Amino acid sequence: MILQVALDHGIEIPHYCYHPKLSIVASCRICLAEVWAPNPRNDGKLEPIPKLLPTCQTAAGDGQVVYTNSPKAIANQKAVMEYLLLNHPIDCPVCDQAGECYLQDYSYQYGRAEVRFEEEKIKQPKKDVGPNILLYSDRCIMCTRCVRFCREISGTGELSVQGRGAMEQIDVFPGQGVDNPLASNVIDICPVGALLDKDFLFEQRVWFLKKTPSVDGLTCSGDLLSIEHNHNQIYRIKPRQTHEDNQYWITDEVRYGWKFIHDEQRPNMPRIKGEDPFDPAEVPLAYEAAYANINGNFNKAQRILLMISPMLSCEDAYWWAKYATSFDAEVTFAVGPVPIVGEDQKFLDDYTLYAEKAPNARGVRRVLGKFTSDVLVHDALLASGKNFDAVVLTGHYPPQWVPDSFAKSATLCQDGFTLLVDLAERDLGQPVDVFLPGTSWAEKAGTFENVNNQLQAFERALNPLDYCKSEAQIALDLIAARVGEAPMVFDAAETRLLLADELGLNAFVTDIHVPEPEAPVESDMELIDL
């Protein structure tokens, strides 16, 4: 279609109802343009088509000339904007969509400078339409994107158009809320402030948010995300739309599953069994004592188990494997338990919600497989009845997906030394010897391998919680403490080069998806010095 060709080439044509993954309805009418096309009945002479055509619904053809800035097209744009704003409330100062609202942008670019409507605006109600969604009906412009999404993508059909004329509204069927695994995507595709996120309501102005490219750090999907944050606090997670990956949707479990990162009870200091808790003023002493304890016990160990969680990155796995193999001991490598919740669920758009709730089981196995020919599965390891002198356990599971079998991991070290690196001090049936606080995927850079075996790099969005360190940095610190040198500062890109050079994993250089930096956005508003 003409509109899609224009958008693919960076040419803006205003549009509301069109979305590349939804059916075309051509209902908003603001994309109408003047089209000239070769007339086959007149020797292919270029002639104007008498009426304006919707560019979203008109196929592009050879030899066409399309005008979106002709007098007829401009008059239509102004008329459509004036019509949409007749009953629209002027509440931009309190609307969460302000700053990323198509209605605001197009009103400035294509609308009239004055308001001619003098009658009383029609008031529409606010509605609670789902567990995470509020509908402000008086802001709705009836683009029907949300209705088409529920019918064509999620296949659940909760939303519909009800009423006629000026009283037309989006609403749910009686007793049926918008509650499906993809429900909150309707918030993202709403071009105005009609569908709002309860979780984000009145929390932040969008122009204060910083956007960091990331990937799904909770499931194996590998969906591209944008972590939106300010003052080291995540406020929302949204899908990151890229042309080559065609990403538009994320599941609600990923969109809202990050809350554990800001858990007020999250530990941020090392713990050593038998010693009093360290005070924050003793951070260097706490880590020095913990590292000495760990290295001392590993030096005495004859059998070491390194269990890397599938929630950790490939770089984390590499540095911990380097650390474990630096001792003169037999090292057993294992991947931590992979949470499986329900079954895979495929939606109408071929989008899949995966039952596997771990982002990097394949990547951890790929890296550890270069250190040994036998990377054990957690359940098989438990069933083997083996006992180790020293065990490294890593968790990092979200609270809702902690595998029951993870608590049994401590049984692999009955009379030896147990080190737990995690976001929380889990109940393992017995106290661990040393606990070190780790970081979530949002607090570090790294690489995950998704369900399709694609390597995807992600950037650090937040600084680690006070006194916590990334898992790779902890391993580097332990290596440095053991040899009495200053520790290296972890760098994900440099580690990927080491994975290629030392282990022959060239895919970490040649076949990795690295997010491109966002192009700076320049305002077209003229600023005048006063």
Protein backbone atom coordinates (compact mmCIF):
# COMPACT_ATOMS: atom_id res chain seq x y z
CA MET A 1 0.00 0.00 0.00
CA ILE A 2 1.09 3.59 -0.60
CA LEU A 3 1.24 4.34 3.13
CA GLN A 4 3.46 1.33 3.86
CA VAL A 5 5.83 2.20 1.01
CA ALA A 6 6.08 5.75 2.34
CA LEU A 7 6.74 4.64 5.92
CA ASP A 8 9.35 2.13 4.76
CA HIS A 9 11.22 5.00 3.11
CA GLY A 10 11.00 7.39 6.03
CA ILE A 11 8.24 9.53 4.51
CA GLU A 12 5.56 10.44 7.02
CA ILE A 13 1.89 10.30 6.12
CA PRO A 14 -0.45 10.94 9.08
CA HIS A 15 -2.49 7.91 10.10
CA TYR A 16 -4.45 6.64 13.09
CA CYS A 17 -6.32 3.44 12.24
CA TYR A 18 -3.55 1.79 10.19
CA HIS A 19 -1.21 -0.69 11.87
CA PRO A 20 1.09 -2.99 9.87
CA LYS A 21 -0.06 -6.14 11.73
CA LEU A 22 -3.80 -5.41 11.68
CA SER A 23 -6.42 -5.49 8.95
CA ILE A 24 -6.92 -2.27 6.97
CA VAL A 25 -10.20 -0.46 7.61
CA ALA A 26 -9.41 3.07 6.31
CA SER A 27 -11.74 4.58 8.90
CA CYS A 28 -9.79 7.55 10.26
CA ARG A 29 -9.45 9.23 6.82
CA ILE A 30 -6.51 11.45 7.76
CA CYS A 31 -4.16 9.60 5.39
CA LEU A 32 -6.15 10.64 2.29
CA ALA A 33 -3.91 11.97 -0.46
CA GLU A 34 -4.11 13.21 -4.03
CA VAL A 35 -2.91 10.45 -6.36
CA TRP A 36 -1.90 10.82 -9.99
CA ALA A 37 -1.47 7.62 -12.00
CA PRO A 38 -0.74 6.60 -15.62
CA ASN A 39 -3.97 6.19 -17.56
CA PRO A 40 -3.75 3.06 -19.78
CA ARG A 41 -6.66 4.40 -21.89
CA ASN A 42 -4.69 7.54 -22.72
CA ASP A 43 -1.31 6.07 -23.71
CA GLY A 44 -0.15 5.92 -20.09
CA LYS A 45 -0.42 9.68 -19.61
CA LEU A 46 -0.17 10.79 -15.98
CA GLU A 47 -3.61 11.97 -14.85
CA PRO A 48 -5.14 12.83 -11.44
CA ILE A 49 -7.63 10.45 -9.88
CA PRO A 50 -10.65 12.71 -9.24
CA LYS A 51 -11.13 11.98 -5.52
CA LEU A 52 -8.73 11.75 -2.60
CA LEU A 53 -7.68 8.17 -1.86
CA PRO A 54 -6.83 6.51 1.49
CA THR A 55 -3.12 5.72 1.17
CA CYS A 56 -3.45 2.88 3.68
CA GLN A 57 -5.86 1.06 1.38
CA THR A 58 -4.57 2.04 -2.06
CA ALA A 59 -1.98 -0.20 -3.66
CA ALA A 60 1.24 1.45 -4.77
CA GLY A 61 1.84 1.26 -8.51
CA ASP A 62 4.57 2.10 -11.00
CA GLY A 63 4.49 5.69 -12.18
CA GLN A 64 2.21 7.01 -9.45
CA VAL A 65 2.73 10.47 -8.01
CA VAL A 66 1.23 11.01 -4.55
CA TYR A 67 0.65 14.44 -3.01
CA THR A 68 0.00 14.70 0.73
CA ASN A 69 0.64 18.44 0.77
CA SER A 70 -1.63 19.57 -2.02
CA PRO A 71 -4.46 22.03 -1.16
CA LYS A 72 -7.06 19.24 -1.29
CA ALA A 73 -5.02 16.90 0.94
CA ILE A 74 -4.21 19.63 3.45
CA ALA A 75 -7.85 20.68 3.62
CA ASN A 76 -8.82 17.08 4.39
CA GLN A 77 -6.19 16.76 7.12
CA LYS A 78 -7.41 19.92 8.81
CA ALA A 79 -11.04 18.80 8.52
CA VAL A 80 -10.32 15.37 10.03
CA MET A 81 -8.35 16.88 12.92
CA GLU A 82 -11.11 19.41 13.60
CA TYR A 83 -13.70 16.65 13.60
CA LEU A 84 -11.71 14.42 15.97
CA LEU A 85 -11.21 17.28 18.43
CA LEU A 86 -14.86 18.37 18.58
CA ASN A 87 -15.61 16.31 21.69
CA HIS A 88 -12.07 15.52 22.77
CA PRO A 89 -11.27 16.82 26.26
CA ILE A 90 -8.42 19.29 26.57
CA ASP A 91 -6.70 17.39 29.36
CA CYS A 92 -3.20 16.95 27.92
CA PRO A 93 -1.60 18.28 31.16
CA VAL A 94 -2.92 15.27 33.09
CA CYS A 95 -2.93 12.64 30.33
CA ASP A 96 -0.33 9.88 30.49
CA GLN A 97 -0.14 9.82 26.69
CA ALA A 98 1.05 13.43 26.51
CA GLY A 99 4.42 13.56 24.83
CA GLU A 100 3.86 10.46 22.69
CA CYS A 101 0.34 11.16 21.44
CA TYR A 102 -0.50 11.12 17.75
CA LEU A 103 -3.42 13.45 18.38
CA GLN A 104 -1.07 16.04 19.89
CA ASP A 105 1.51 15.65 17.13
CA TYR A 106 -0.94 15.78 14.25
CA SER A 107 -2.89 18.65 15.79
CA TYR A 108 0.34 20.64 15.77
CA GLN A 109 1.41 19.50 12.31
CA TYR A 110 -1.87 19.26 10.41
CA GLY A 111 -4.58 20.86 12.54
CA ARG A 112 -6.10 24.33 12.71
CA ALA A 113 -4.68 27.03 14.91
CA GLU A 114 -8.10 28.04 16.20
CA VAL A 115 -11.15 26.20 17.54
CA ARG A 116 -14.46 26.93 15.83
CA PHE A 117 -16.61 24.55 17.89
CA GLU A 118 -18.57 26.47 20.52
CA GLU A 119 -21.11 23.86 21.68
CA GLU A 120 -20.85 21.74 24.82
CA LYS A 121 -18.66 18.68 24.44
CA ILE A 122 -20.21 15.23 24.85
CA LYS A 123 -18.90 13.52 27.98
CA GLN A 124 -18.06 9.84 27.90
CA PRO A 125 -17.37 7.63 30.94
CA LYS A 126 -14.13 6.18 32.26
CA LYS A 127 -14.18 2.38 32.33
CA ASP A 128 -12.21 -0.35 34.03
CA VAL A 129 -11.98 -2.86 31.20
CA GLY A 130 -9.35 -5.29 32.50
CA PRO A 131 -6.87 -6.13 35.25
CA ASN A 132 -4.28 -3.75 33.81
CA ILE A 133 -6.27 -1.45 31.52
CA LEU A 134 -8.38 1.69 31.95
CA LEU A 135 -10.48 3.12 29.12
CA TYR A 136 -11.03 6.88 28.99
CA SER A 137 -13.86 6.85 26.46
CA ASP A 138 -14.01 10.63 25.93
CA ARG A 139 -10.45 10.53 24.53
CA CYS A 140 -11.16 7.71 22.07
CA ILE A 141 -11.11 8.56 18.34
CA MET A 142 -12.65 5.22 17.28
CA CYS A 143 -9.66 4.01 15.26
CA THR A 144 -10.68 0.44 16.34
CA ARG A 145 -7.08 -0.76 16.59
CA CYS A 146 -7.82 -2.33 19.98
CA VAL A 147 -10.93 -4.11 18.69
CA ARG A 148 -9.05 -5.55 15.72
CA PHE A 149 -6.16 -6.62 17.94
CA CYS A 150 -8.44 -8.65 20.21
CA ARG A 151 -10.03 -10.31 17.19
CA GLU A 152 -7.04 -10.76 14.89
CA ILE A 153 -4.03 -11.20 17.18
CA SER A 154 -5.07 -12.53 20.58
CA GLY A 155 -8.19 -14.15 19.11
CA THR A 156 -10.15 -13.44 22.30
CA GLY A 157 -12.49 -10.72 21.01
CA GLU A 158 -13.25 -9.00 24.29
CA LEU A 159 -13.63 -5.50 22.81
CA SER A 160 -16.29 -4.24 20.43
CA VAL A 161 -17.75 -1.03 19.01
CA GLN A 162 -21.06 -0.24 20.69
CA GLY A 163 -23.55 2.54 19.96
CA ARG A 164 -23.79 4.79 16.92
CA GLY A 165 -22.93 8.29 15.80
CA ALA A 166 -21.61 10.69 18.41
CA MET A 167 -22.40 8.17 21.19
CA GLU A 168 -20.30 5.39 19.67
CA GLN A 169 -17.94 3.79 22.22
CA ILE A 170 -15.44 1.01 22.65
CA ASP A 171 -16.58 -1.38 25.36
CA VAL A 172 -16.28 -4.94 26.63
CA PHE A 173 -18.96 -7.55 26.42
CA PRO A 174 -20.91 -7.87 29.71
CA GLY A 175 -18.94 -9.76 32.33
CA GLN A 176 -15.90 -10.21 30.09
CA GLY A 177 -12.83 -8.06 30.77
CA VAL A 178 -9.78 -7.64 28.56
CA ASP A 179 -7.82 -10.39 30.26
CA ASN A 180 -5.70 -12.47 27.92
CA PRO A 181 -1.91 -13.11 27.88
CA LEU A 182 -1.38 -10.30 25.32
CA ALA A 183 -4.04 -7.90 26.64
CA SER A 184 -1.89 -4.88 27.46
CA ASN A 185 -0.61 -4.57 23.91
CA VAL A 186 -3.79 -2.61 23.20
CA ILE A 187 -2.28 0.14 25.39
CA ASP A 188 0.76 0.35 23.11
CA ILE A 189 -1.19 0.49 19.86
CA CYS A 190 -3.73 3.07 21.04
CA PRO A 191 -2.64 6.25 19.21
CA VAL A 192 -4.20 8.56 21.81
CA GLY A 193 -4.69 8.49 25.59
CA ALA A 194 -7.83 6.37 25.59
CA LEU A 195 -6.37 3.05 26.78
CA LEU A 196 -4.06 3.52 29.74
CA ASP A 197 -1.89 1.26 31.87
CA LYS A 198 -3.05 1.14 35.50
CA ASP A 199 0.49 0.33 36.54
CA PHE A 200 1.90 3.46 34.88
CA LEU A 201 -1.01 5.82 35.59
CA PHE A 202 0.26 9.23 36.80
CA GLU A 203 3.71 7.74 37.58
CA GLN A 204 5.99 9.65 35.19
CA ARG A 205 5.99 12.06 32.30
CA VAL A 206 7.21 10.17 29.25
CA TRP A 207 9.75 12.85 28.32
CA PHE A 208 11.61 12.16 31.58
CA LEU A 209 11.98 8.45 30.77
CA LYS A 210 15.20 7.04 29.38
CA LYS A 211 14.86 4.08 27.00
CA THR A 212 17.39 1.27 27.05
CA PRO A 213 17.23 -1.52 24.40
CA SER A 214 16.95 -4.95 25.97
CA VAL A 215 15.51 -8.40 25.38
CA ASP A 216 13.08 -10.62 27.25
CA GLY A 217 14.94 -11.56 30.42
CA LEU A 218 12.18 -13.72 31.89
CA THR A 219 11.20 -16.25 29.21
CA CYS A 220 12.89 -17.94 26.24
CA SER A 221 11.03 -15.86 23.62
CA GLY A 222 13.84 -13.40 22.89
CA ASP A 223 11.31 -10.62 22.33
CA LEU A 224 12.93 -7.21 21.91
CA LEU A 225 12.11 -4.84 24.76
CA SER A 226 12.62 -1.25 25.67
CA ILE A 227 13.21 -0.72 29.39
CA GLU A 228 11.93 2.75 30.25
CA HIS A 229 13.36 4.14 33.45
CA ASN A 230 14.26 7.27 35.39
CA HIS A 231 16.38 7.81 38.50
CA ASN A 232 17.37 4.12 38.44
CA GLN A 233 13.74 3.01 38.66
CA ILE A 234 11.92 1.00 35.98
CA TYR A 235 8.52 2.50 35.21
CA ARG A 236 7.43 0.38 32.29
CA ILE A 237 8.60 -2.19 29.76
CA LYS A 238 7.36 -1.99 26.18
CA PRO A 239 8.06 -3.93 22.96
CA ARG A 240 10.96 -2.56 20.94
CA GLN A 241 9.86 -2.32 17.34
CA THR A 242 12.57 -2.98 14.78
CA HIS A 243 12.08 -3.39 11.08
CA GLU A 244 14.19 -6.51 10.65
CA ASP A 245 12.64 -8.42 13.54
CA ASN A 246 9.09 -7.16 13.11
CA GLN A 247 8.49 -7.06 16.85
CA TYR A 248 5.25 -5.47 18.00
CA TRP A 249 3.93 -7.55 20.91
CA ILE A 250 5.04 -8.79 24.31
CA THR A 251 3.17 -10.87 26.86
CA ASP A 252 1.73 -9.37 30.03
CA GLU A 253 3.87 -11.71 32.12
CA VAL A 254 6.98 -10.04 30.71
CA ARG A 255 5.50 -6.53 30.72
CA TYR A 256 4.75 -6.70 34.46
CA GLY A 257 7.12 -9.45 35.62
CA TRP A 258 10.03 -7.16 36.55
CA LYS A 259 8.71 -5.93 39.93
CA PHE A 260 11.06 -8.21 41.91
CA ILE A 261 13.97 -6.03 40.76
CA HIS A 262 12.78 -3.27 43.09
CA ASP A 263 11.77 -5.53 45.98
CA GLU A 264 12.42 -3.62 49.20
CA GLN A 265 13.52 -6.86 50.90
CA ARG A 266 16.15 -7.63 48.29
CA PRO A 267 19.53 -8.26 50.01
CA ASN A 268 22.45 -6.08 49.01
CA MET A 269 25.31 -7.27 51.24
CA PRO A 270 27.36 -10.49 51.39
CA ARG A 271 26.54 -12.95 54.17
CA ILE A 272 28.97 -15.41 55.75
CA LYS A 273 27.62 -18.25 57.87
CA GLY A 274 28.51 -17.83 61.53
CA GLU A 275 29.42 -14.16 61.22
CA ASP A 276 27.33 -11.13 62.14
CA PRO A 277 25.69 -9.30 59.22
CA PHE A 278 27.93 -6.69 57.68
CA ASP A 279 27.08 -3.01 57.93
CA PRO A 280 26.89 -0.98 54.66
CA ALA A 281 29.86 1.02 55.91
CA GLU A 282 31.89 -2.20 55.74
CA VAL A 283 31.28 -3.01 52.07
CA PRO A 284 34.96 -3.44 51.04
CA LEU A 285 35.63 -5.49 54.16
CA ALA A 286 32.52 -7.61 53.56
CA TYR A 287 33.51 -8.55 50.02
CA GLU A 288 37.16 -9.07 50.99
CA ALA A 289 36.13 -11.48 53.76
CA ALA A 290 33.65 -13.28 51.49
CA TYR A 291 36.17 -13.68 48.66
CA ALA A 292 38.85 -14.98 51.03
CA ASN A 293 36.39 -17.49 52.47
CA ILE A 294 35.33 -18.69 49.03
CA ASN A 295 38.83 -18.99 47.59
CA GLY A 296 40.09 -20.75 50.70
CA ASN A 297 37.39 -23.40 50.56
CA PHE A 298 37.72 -23.89 46.80
CA ASN A 299 41.47 -24.40 47.18
CA LYS A 300 40.77 -27.35 49.49
CA ALA A 301 38.04 -28.87 47.33
CA GLN A 302 38.61 -31.99 45.25
CA ARG A 303 35.20 -32.02 43.55
CA ILE A 304 33.58 -28.71 42.49
CA LEU A 305 30.08 -28.26 41.08
CA LEU A 306 29.33 -25.12 39.06
CA MET A 307 25.57 -24.77 38.50
CA ILE A 308 24.78 -21.81 36.25
CA SER A 309 21.20 -20.62 36.23
CA PRO A 310 19.43 -20.32 32.83
CA MET A 311 18.51 -16.80 33.97
CA LEU A 312 22.14 -15.65 33.69
CA SER A 313 23.90 -14.35 30.59
CA CYS A 314 26.47 -16.11 28.42
CA GLU A 315 29.15 -13.75 29.73
CA ASP A 316 28.29 -14.66 33.33
CA ALA A 317 28.63 -18.36 32.48
CA TYR A 318 32.00 -17.79 30.81
CA TRP A 319 33.65 -15.97 33.71
CA TRP A 320 32.34 -18.39 36.33
CA ALA A 321 33.60 -21.32 34.26
CA LYS A 322 37.00 -19.61 34.00
CA TYR A 323 37.04 -19.18 37.77
CA ALA A 324 36.00 -22.76 38.59
CA THR A 325 38.53 -24.32 36.21
CA SER A 326 41.38 -22.26 37.69
CA PHE A 327 41.52 -24.73 40.64
CA ASP A 328 43.26 -28.10 40.60
CA ALA A 329 40.01 -29.94 41.10
CA GLU A 330 37.52 -32.01 39.15
CA VAL A 331 34.81 -29.58 38.00
CA THR A 332 31.28 -30.66 37.13
CA PHE A 333 29.21 -28.25 35.05
CA ALA A 334 25.43 -28.09 35.18
CA VAL A 335 22.59 -25.86 34.01
CA GLY A 336 20.17 -24.87 36.75
CA PRO A 337 16.53 -25.99 36.62
CA VAL A 338 14.51 -24.51 33.77
CA PRO A 339 11.01 -23.43 34.89
CA ILE A 340 8.20 -24.78 32.70
CA VAL A 341 4.77 -23.23 33.31
CA GLY A 342 1.83 -24.65 31.37
CA GLU A 343 2.19 -25.24 27.63
CA ASP A 344 3.20 -23.17 24.62
CA GLN A 345 0.31 -21.05 23.36
CA LYS A 346 0.23 -19.84 19.76
CA PHE A 347 -1.89 -16.85 18.78
CA LEU A 348 -3.47 -15.93 15.46
CA ASP A 349 -0.50 -13.79 14.41
CA ASP A 350 1.89 -16.76 14.87
CA TYR A 351 3.08 -15.10 18.05
CA THR A 352 3.89 -17.70 20.71
CA LEU A 353 3.74 -17.53 24.49
CA TYR A 354 6.37 -20.04 25.61
CA ALA A 355 6.01 -22.32 28.61
CA GLU A 356 9.78 -22.19 29.15
CA LYS A 357 10.40 -19.36 31.62
CA ALA A 358 14.16 -18.95 31.25
CA PRO A 359 15.89 -16.64 28.77
CA ASN A 360 19.25 -18.35 28.34
CA ALA A 361 19.26 -22.10 28.97
CA ARG A 362 20.67 -22.65 25.47
CA GLY A 363 23.32 -19.95 25.79
CA VAL A 364 24.57 -21.25 29.14
CA ARG A 365 24.76 -24.75 27.71
CA ARG A 366 26.60 -23.46 24.62
CA VAL A 367 29.29 -21.73 26.70
CA LEU A 368 29.73 -24.45 29.34
CA GLY A 369 29.91 -27.02 26.55
CA LYS A 370 33.28 -25.56 25.56
CA PHE A 371 34.70 -26.40 29.01
CA THR A 372 33.38 -29.96 29.18
CA SER A 373 31.77 -32.57 26.98
CA ASP A 374 29.11 -33.30 29.57
CA VAL A 375 26.95 -30.40 30.79
CA LEU A 376 24.48 -31.95 33.21
CA VAL A 377 20.77 -31.25 33.45
CA HIS A 378 19.68 -30.28 36.95
CA ASP A 379 17.18 -33.10 37.49
CA ALA A 380 19.67 -35.71 36.28
CA LEU A 381 22.28 -34.23 38.59
CA LEU A 382 19.95 -34.55 41.59
CA ALA A 383 19.12 -38.13 40.65
CA SER A 384 22.79 -39.06 40.33
CA GLY A 385 23.33 -38.94 44.10
CA LYS A 386 26.71 -37.22 43.68
CA ASN A 387 28.24 -35.26 46.53
CA PHE A 388 30.66 -32.37 46.08
CA ASP A 389 33.21 -30.62 48.27
CA ALA A 390 32.29 -27.15 46.95
CA VAL A 391 29.19 -26.01 45.11
CA VAL A 392 28.38 -22.74 43.32
CA LEU A 393 24.62 -22.20 43.02
CA THR A 394 23.10 -19.36 41.00
CA GLY A 395 19.38 -18.62 40.96
CA HIS A 396 17.94 -15.26 39.85
CA TYR A 397 14.47 -16.71 39.24
CA PRO A 398 11.51 -14.34 39.52
CA PRO A 399 9.49 -15.23 42.65
CA GLN A 400 6.57 -16.50 40.57
CA TRP A 401 8.75 -19.01 38.71
CA VAL A 402 11.19 -20.43 41.28
CA PRO A 403 11.42 -24.17 40.43
CA ASP A 404 10.63 -26.51 43.32
CA SER A 405 13.73 -28.52 42.48
CA PHE A 406 16.02 -25.53 43.04
CA ALA A 407 15.58 -25.86 46.82
CA LYS A 408 17.03 -29.36 46.61
CA SER A 409 20.32 -28.11 45.14
CA ALA A 410 21.97 -27.81 48.55
CA THR A 411 21.68 -31.58 49.01
CA LEU A 412 24.50 -31.93 46.46
CA CYS A 413 26.92 -30.65 49.10
CA GLN A 414 26.19 -32.39 52.39
CA ASP A 415 29.43 -31.74 54.28
CA GLY A 416 31.19 -29.30 51.97
CA PHE A 417 31.09 -25.60 51.09
CA THR A 418 28.07 -23.96 49.44
CA LEU A 419 28.14 -20.58 47.72
CA LEU A 420 24.86 -18.99 46.63
CA VAL A 421 24.84 -16.05 44.21
CA ASP A 422 21.28 -14.82 43.87
CA LEU A 423 18.82 -11.95 44.11
CA ALA A 424 17.38 -13.38 47.33
CA GLU A 425 18.51 -15.69 50.10
CA ARG A 426 16.48 -18.76 49.16
CA ASP A 427 15.37 -21.43 51.59
CA LEU A 428 17.54 -24.37 50.55
CA GLY A 429 16.80 -26.49 53.61
CA GLN A 430 20.15 -25.61 55.16
CA PRO A 431 22.11 -22.35 55.50
CA VAL A 432 24.63 -21.66 52.75
CA ASP A 433 28.20 -20.89 53.75
CA VAL A 434 28.46 -17.67 51.76
CA PHE A 435 25.75 -15.61 50.04
CA LEU A 436 26.64 -12.96 47.46
CA PRO A 437 23.97 -10.55 46.11
CA GLY A 438 23.71 -10.59 42.32
CA THR A 439 21.94 -8.44 39.75
CA SER A 440 18.99 -8.82 37.41
CA TRP A 441 19.31 -8.71 33.63
CA ALA A 442 18.19 -5.06 33.67
CA GLU A 443 21.22 -4.13 35.79
CA LYS A 444 23.91 -5.46 33.49
CA ALA A 445 24.83 -5.94 29.86
CA GLY A 446 25.13 -9.37 28.31
CA THR A 447 23.88 -11.89 25.76
CA PHE A 448 20.98 -14.36 25.75
CA GLU A 449 20.26 -17.18 23.30
CA ASN A 450 16.54 -17.44 22.64
CA VAL A 451 14.34 -20.39 21.73
CA ASN A 452 15.28 -19.99 18.06
CA ASN A 453 19.01 -20.17 18.92
CA GLN A 454 19.53 -16.52 18.06
CA LEU A 455 22.16 -14.69 20.11
CA GLN A 456 20.87 -11.32 21.29
CA ALA A 457 22.90 -8.69 23.11
CA PHE A 458 21.24 -6.33 25.57
CA GLU A 459 22.36 -3.17 27.32
CA ARG A 460 22.41 -2.27 31.00
CA ALA A 461 19.43 -0.09 31.89
CA LEU A 462 19.95 0.42 35.64
CA ASN A 463 22.91 0.73 37.93
CA PRO A 464 23.07 -2.32 40.22
CA LEU A 465 21.33 -2.09 43.55
CA ASP A 466 23.63 -0.50 46.15
CA TYR A 467 26.60 -2.79 46.93
CA CYS A 468 25.42 -5.55 44.54
CA LYS A 469 27.60 -6.71 41.64
CA SER A 470 26.92 -8.47 38.38
CA GLU A 471 27.73 -12.18 38.38
CA ALA A 472 30.51 -11.76 35.83
CA GLN A 473 32.06 -9.00 37.94
CA ILE A 474 31.93 -11.21 41.04
CA ALA A 475 33.78 -13.97 39.16
CA LEU A 476 36.39 -11.47 37.94
CA ASP A 477 36.82 -10.18 41.51
CA LEU A 478 37.30 -13.72 42.81
CA ILE A 479 39.93 -14.45 40.16
CA ALA A 480 41.78 -11.25 41.02
CA ALA A 481 41.57 -11.85 44.78
CA ARG A 482 43.00 -15.33 44.35
CA VAL A 483 46.13 -14.10 42.56
CA GLY A 484 46.41 -10.83 44.46
CA GLU A 485 45.84 -8.51 41.51
CA ALA A 486 43.48 -5.61 40.84
CA PRO A 487 40.21 -6.93 39.35
CA MET A 488 39.22 -6.27 35.76
CA VAL A 489 36.08 -4.28 35.11
CA PHE A 490 33.52 -6.45 33.32
CA ASP A 491 32.79 -5.47 29.73
CA ALA A 492 30.21 -7.51 27.80
CA ALA A 493 31.55 -6.64 24.33
CA GLU A 494 35.13 -7.56 25.26
CA THR A 495 33.92 -10.82 26.79
CA ARG A 496 32.18 -11.74 23.55
CA LEU A 497 35.51 -11.31 21.76
CA LEU A 498 37.10 -13.68 24.30
CA LEU A 499 34.34 -16.22 23.69
CA ALA A 500 35.23 -16.14 20.01
CA ASP A 501 39.04 -16.09 20.41
CA GLU A 502 39.47 -18.53 23.31
CA LEU A 503 36.55 -20.90 22.86
CA GLY A 504 36.00 -20.68 19.12
CA LEU A 505 32.45 -19.40 19.57
CA ASN A 506 32.62 -17.09 16.56
CA ALA A 507 28.86 -16.64 16.51
CA PHE A 508 29.25 -14.21 19.41
CA VAL A 509 30.96 -11.86 16.95
CA THR A 510 29.48 -12.77 13.55
CA ASP A 511 25.90 -13.84 14.24
CA ILE A 512 24.83 -11.74 17.19
CA HIS A 513 21.99 -9.23 17.20
CA VAL A 514 23.28 -6.02 18.78
CA PRO A 515 20.76 -3.20 19.30
CA GLU A 516 21.43 -0.13 17.19
CA PRO A 517 21.68 3.18 19.03
CA GLU A 518 18.54 5.26 18.70
CA ALA A 519 18.80 8.22 16.38
CA PRO A 520 18.45 11.55 18.17
CA VAL A 521 15.06 13.17 17.74
CA GLU A 522 15.17 16.83 16.75
CA SER A 523 12.21 19.06 17.47
CA ASP A 524 10.65 20.96 14.59
CA MET A 525 9.34 23.61 16.98
CA GLU A 526 11.00 26.99 16.58
CA LEU A 527 12.58 28.31 19.77
CA ILE A 528 12.86 32.04 20.30
CA ASP A 529 15.25 33.62 22.80
CA LEU A 530 13.41 36.00 25.10
